[in-house]
C-alpha atoms as a PDB file:
ATOM      1  CA  MET A   1       8.588  -5.177 -18.557  1.00  0.00           C
ATOM      2  CA  ILE A   2       5.435  -3.089 -18.960  1.00  0.00           C
ATOM      3  CA  ASP A   3       5.758  -0.021 -21.149  1.00  0.00           C
ATOM      4  CA  TYR A   4       3.438   2.423 -19.399  1.00  0.00           C
ATOM      5  CA  ALA A   5       3.964   5.030 -22.118  1.00  0.00           C
ATOM      6  CA  GLN A   6       2.335   2.739 -24.701  1.00  0.00           C
ATOM      7  CA  TYR A   7      -0.709   2.193 -22.501  1.00  0.00           C
ATOM      8  CA  ALA A   8      -0.975   5.906 -21.713  1.00  0.00           C
ATOM      9  CA  ASN A   9      -0.818   6.654 -25.435  1.00  0.00           C
ATOM     10  CA  ALA A  10      -3.559   4.080 -26.101  1.00  0.00           C
ATOM     11  CA  LYS A  11      -5.726   5.643 -23.360  1.00  0.00           C
ATOM     12  CA  ARG A  12      -5.243   9.091 -24.925  1.00  0.00           C
ATOM     13  CA  ALA A  13      -6.243   7.626 -28.291  1.00  0.00           C
ATOM     14  CA  VAL A  14      -9.449   6.184 -26.806  1.00  0.00           C
ATOM     15  CA  ASP A  15     -10.293   9.504 -25.127  1.00  0.00           C
ATOM     16  CA  THR A  16      -9.608  11.384 -28.366  1.00  0.00           C
ATOM     17  CA  ALA A  17     -11.754   8.959 -30.373  1.00  0.00           C
ATOM     18  CA  ILE A  18     -14.656   9.302 -27.935  1.00  0.00           C
ATOM     19  CA  GLY A  19     -14.323  13.081 -28.234  1.00  0.00           C
ATOM     20  CA  GLY A  20     -14.603  12.695 -32.011  1.00  0.00           C
ATOM     21  CA  CYS A  21     -18.020  11.047 -31.752  1.00  0.00           C
ATOM     22  CA  SER A  22     -21.228  13.043 -32.140  1.00  0.00           C
ATOM     23  CA  ASN A  23     -23.170  14.259 -29.135  1.00  0.00           C
ATOM     24  CA  THR A  24     -26.555  15.245 -30.540  1.00  0.00           C
ATOM     25  CA  GLY A  25     -29.913  14.668 -28.891  1.00  0.00           C
ATOM     26  CA  LYS A  26     -30.888  11.635 -30.972  1.00  0.00           C
ATOM     27  CA  TYR A  27     -27.441  10.018 -30.947  1.00  0.00           C
ATOM     28  CA  PRO A  28     -25.492  11.088 -27.843  1.00  0.00           C
ATOM     29  CA  SER A  29     -22.566   8.881 -28.858  1.00  0.00           C
ATOM     30  CA  GLN A  30     -19.968  10.529 -26.604  1.00  0.00           C
ATOM     31  CA  ASP A  31     -22.182  10.124 -23.557  1.00  0.00           C
ATOM     32  CA  ILE A  32     -23.097   6.528 -24.410  1.00  0.00           C
ATOM     33  CA  MET A  33     -19.453   5.557 -24.922  1.00  0.00           C
ATOM     34  CA  LYS A  34     -18.339   7.188 -21.665  1.00  0.00           C
ATOM     35  CA  LEU A  35     -21.201   5.915 -19.519  1.00  0.00           C
ATOM     36  CA  ARG A  36     -21.680   2.450 -20.963  1.00  0.00           C
ATOM     37  CA  TYR A  37     -18.166   1.392 -21.890  1.00  0.00           C
ATOM     38  CA  ILE A  38     -15.810   3.498 -19.752  1.00  0.00           C
ATOM     39  CA  ASP A  39     -17.906   3.820 -16.563  1.00  0.00           C
ATOM     40  CA  GLN A  40     -19.537   0.392 -17.260  1.00  0.00           C
ATOM     41  CA  LEU A  41     -23.067   1.374 -16.303  1.00  0.00           C
ATOM     42  CA  THR A  42     -25.993  -0.888 -17.212  1.00  0.00           C
ATOM     43  CA  VAL A  43     -28.271   0.023 -20.108  1.00  0.00           C
ATOM     44  CA  ARG A  44     -30.973   1.155 -17.679  1.00  0.00           C
ATOM     45  CA  GLU A  45     -28.511   3.379 -15.780  1.00  0.00           C
ATOM     46  CA  VAL A  46     -27.312   4.946 -19.035  1.00  0.00           C
ATOM     47  CA  LYS A  47     -30.894   5.669 -20.110  1.00  0.00           C
ATOM     48  CA  ASP A  48     -31.670   7.202 -16.706  1.00  0.00           C
ATOM     49  CA  THR A  49     -28.495   9.314 -16.769  1.00  0.00           C
ATOM     50  CA  LEU A  50     -29.258  10.610 -20.261  1.00  0.00           C
ATOM     51  CA  ASN A  51     -32.790  11.556 -19.120  1.00  0.00           C
ATOM     52  CA  GLN A  52     -34.166  10.531 -22.486  1.00  0.00           C
ATOM     53  CA  LYS A  53     -37.185   8.451 -23.318  1.00  0.00           C
ATOM     54  CA  HIS A  54     -35.285   5.773 -25.239  1.00  0.00           C
ATOM     55  CA  GLY A  55     -37.197   2.576 -25.789  1.00  0.00           C
ATOM     56  CA  HIS A  56     -35.148  -0.594 -26.099  1.00  0.00           C
ATOM     57  CA  SER A  57     -34.916  -0.481 -29.905  1.00  0.00           C
ATOM     58  CA  THR A  58     -34.230   3.275 -29.931  1.00  0.00           C
ATOM     59  CA  TYR A  59     -31.423   2.831 -27.422  1.00  0.00           C
ATOM     60  CA  GLN A  60     -30.023  -0.121 -29.401  1.00  0.00           C
ATOM     61  CA  THR A  61     -29.903   2.081 -32.503  1.00  0.00           C
ATOM     62  CA  ALA A  62     -28.150   4.860 -30.568  1.00  0.00           C
ATOM     63  CA  ASP A  63     -25.692   2.342 -29.053  1.00  0.00           C
ATOM     64  CA  ASP A  64     -24.950   0.840 -32.470  1.00  0.00           C
ATOM     65  CA  GLN A  65     -24.373   4.332 -33.875  1.00  0.00           C
ATOM     66  CA  ALA A  66     -22.056   5.187 -30.966  1.00  0.00           C
ATOM     67  CA  CYS A  67     -20.023   2.001 -31.457  1.00  0.00           C
ATOM     68  CA  TYR A  68     -19.768   2.576 -35.201  1.00  0.00           C
ATOM     69  CA  GLU A  69     -18.666   6.198 -34.751  1.00  0.00           C
ATOM     70  CA  PHE A  70     -16.096   5.131 -32.157  1.00  0.00           C
ATOM     71  CA  ALA A  71     -14.776   2.388 -34.451  1.00  0.00           C
ATOM     72  CA  GLU A  72     -14.342   4.874 -37.287  1.00  0.00           C
ATOM     73  CA  CYS A  73     -12.599   7.387 -35.035  1.00  0.00           C
ATOM     74  CA  ILE A  74     -10.342   4.986 -33.140  1.00  0.00           C
ATOM     75  CA  ASP A  75      -8.982   3.384 -36.302  1.00  0.00           C
ATOM     76  CA  SER A  76      -7.753   6.700 -37.670  1.00  0.00           C
ATOM     77  CA  VAL A  77      -6.676   8.122 -34.279  1.00  0.00           C
ATOM     78  CA  ALA A  78      -4.712   4.969 -33.393  1.00  0.00           C
ATOM     79  CA  LYS A  79      -2.906   5.151 -36.717  1.00  0.00           C
ATOM     80  CA  VAL A  80      -2.035   8.851 -36.321  1.00  0.00           C
ATOM     81  CA  MET A  81      -0.916   8.394 -32.697  1.00  0.00           C
ATOM     82  CA  HIS A  82       1.119   5.272 -33.573  1.00  0.00           C
ATOM     83  CA  VAL A  83      -0.726   3.028 -31.104  1.00  0.00           C
ATOM     84  CA  ASP A  84       0.362  -0.607 -31.189  1.00  0.00           C
ATOM     85  CA  ARG A  85      -2.346  -2.666 -32.959  1.00  0.00           C
ATOM     86  CA  LYS A  86      -1.943  -5.325 -30.271  1.00  0.00           C
ATOM     87  CA  LEU A  87      -3.364  -2.795 -27.786  1.00  0.00           C
ATOM     88  CA  ILE A  88      -6.093  -1.380 -30.039  1.00  0.00           C
ATOM     89  CA  PRO A  89      -6.929  -3.697 -32.945  1.00  0.00           C
ATOM     90  CA  LYS A  90      -8.804  -2.601 -36.074  1.00  0.00           C
ATOM     91  CA  MET A  91     -12.444  -2.141 -35.111  1.00  0.00           C
ATOM     92  CA  LEU A  92     -14.234  -1.989 -38.450  1.00  0.00           C
ATOM     93  CA  VAL A  93     -14.007  -5.712 -39.148  1.00  0.00           C
ATOM     94  CA  ARG A  94     -17.356  -7.156 -40.210  1.00  0.00           C
ATOM     95  CA  LYS A  95     -18.485 -10.697 -39.533  1.00  0.00           C
ATOM     96  CA  ASN A  96     -21.917 -11.755 -40.855  1.00  0.00           C
ATOM     97  CA  GLY A  97     -23.104  -8.149 -40.961  1.00  0.00           C
ATOM     98  CA  THR A  98     -22.235  -7.389 -37.319  1.00  0.00           C
ATOM     99  CA  LYS A  99     -19.227  -5.955 -35.585  1.00  0.00           C
ATOM    100  CA  SER A 100     -16.948  -8.738 -34.408  1.00  0.00           C
ATOM    101  CA  GLY A 101     -16.203  -9.116 -30.725  1.00  0.00           C
ATOM    102  CA  ARG A 102     -19.372  -7.347 -29.566  1.00  0.00           C
ATOM    103  CA  LYS A 103     -21.211  -8.578 -26.483  1.00  0.00           C
ATOM    104  CA  ARG A 104     -24.608  -7.046 -26.028  1.00  0.00           C
ATOM    105  CA  GLU A 105     -26.642  -6.709 -22.895  1.00  0.00           C
ATOM    106  CA  THR A 106     -30.283  -7.338 -23.705  1.00  0.00           C
ATOM    107  CA  ASN A 107     -33.315  -6.066 -21.831  1.00  0.00           C
ATOM    108  CA  GLY A 108     -31.224  -4.505 -19.072  1.00  0.00           C
ATOM    109  CA  THR A 109     -29.978  -7.778 -17.601  1.00  0.00           C
ATOM    110  CA  LYS A 110     -26.304  -8.075 -16.750  1.00  0.00           C
ATOM    111  CA  SER A 111     -26.194 -11.742 -17.740  1.00  0.00           C
ATOM    112  CA  GLY A 112     -27.336 -10.932 -21.271  1.00  0.00           C
ATOM    113  CA  GLN A 113     -30.268 -13.348 -21.137  1.00  0.00           C
ATOM    114  CA  ASN A 114     -33.555 -12.416 -22.747  1.00  0.00           C
ATOM    115  CA  ARG A 115     -36.599 -12.094 -20.546  1.00  0.00           C
ATOM    116  CA  GLU A 116     -38.216 -14.919 -22.493  1.00  0.00           C
ATOM    117  CA  GLU A 117     -35.403 -17.265 -21.449  1.00  0.00           C
ATOM    118  CA  ASN A 118     -35.918 -16.264 -17.825  1.00  0.00           C
ATOM    119  CA  ARG A 119     -39.635 -17.094 -17.957  1.00  0.00           C
ATOM    120  CA  THR A 120     -39.132 -20.740 -18.871  1.00  0.00           C
END
């Protein structure tokens, strides 16, 4: 049987953690998390929505910052709200210097292929 209360609590924890992220001009982490990961917009759509002149590397830095801030927030929020770790696992696990479980879209393509790969 599905325990809807657990999932609702996990959703509240995610919303609370996103609200705990910064939302400054250089690192609009709340907006990036909502647009990119909740609304599932492409990188290009997020950049257009933010109306900022982010180059690819500048956006990558802002996205990395947003993910790191979210990971810090969600770990503490999930603990305080007693969210089952099977629903929201620990996020600040490092593997070879990168966050584990991260898939990255590169150069605005949904398939994640680099433009160089597409040229060959």
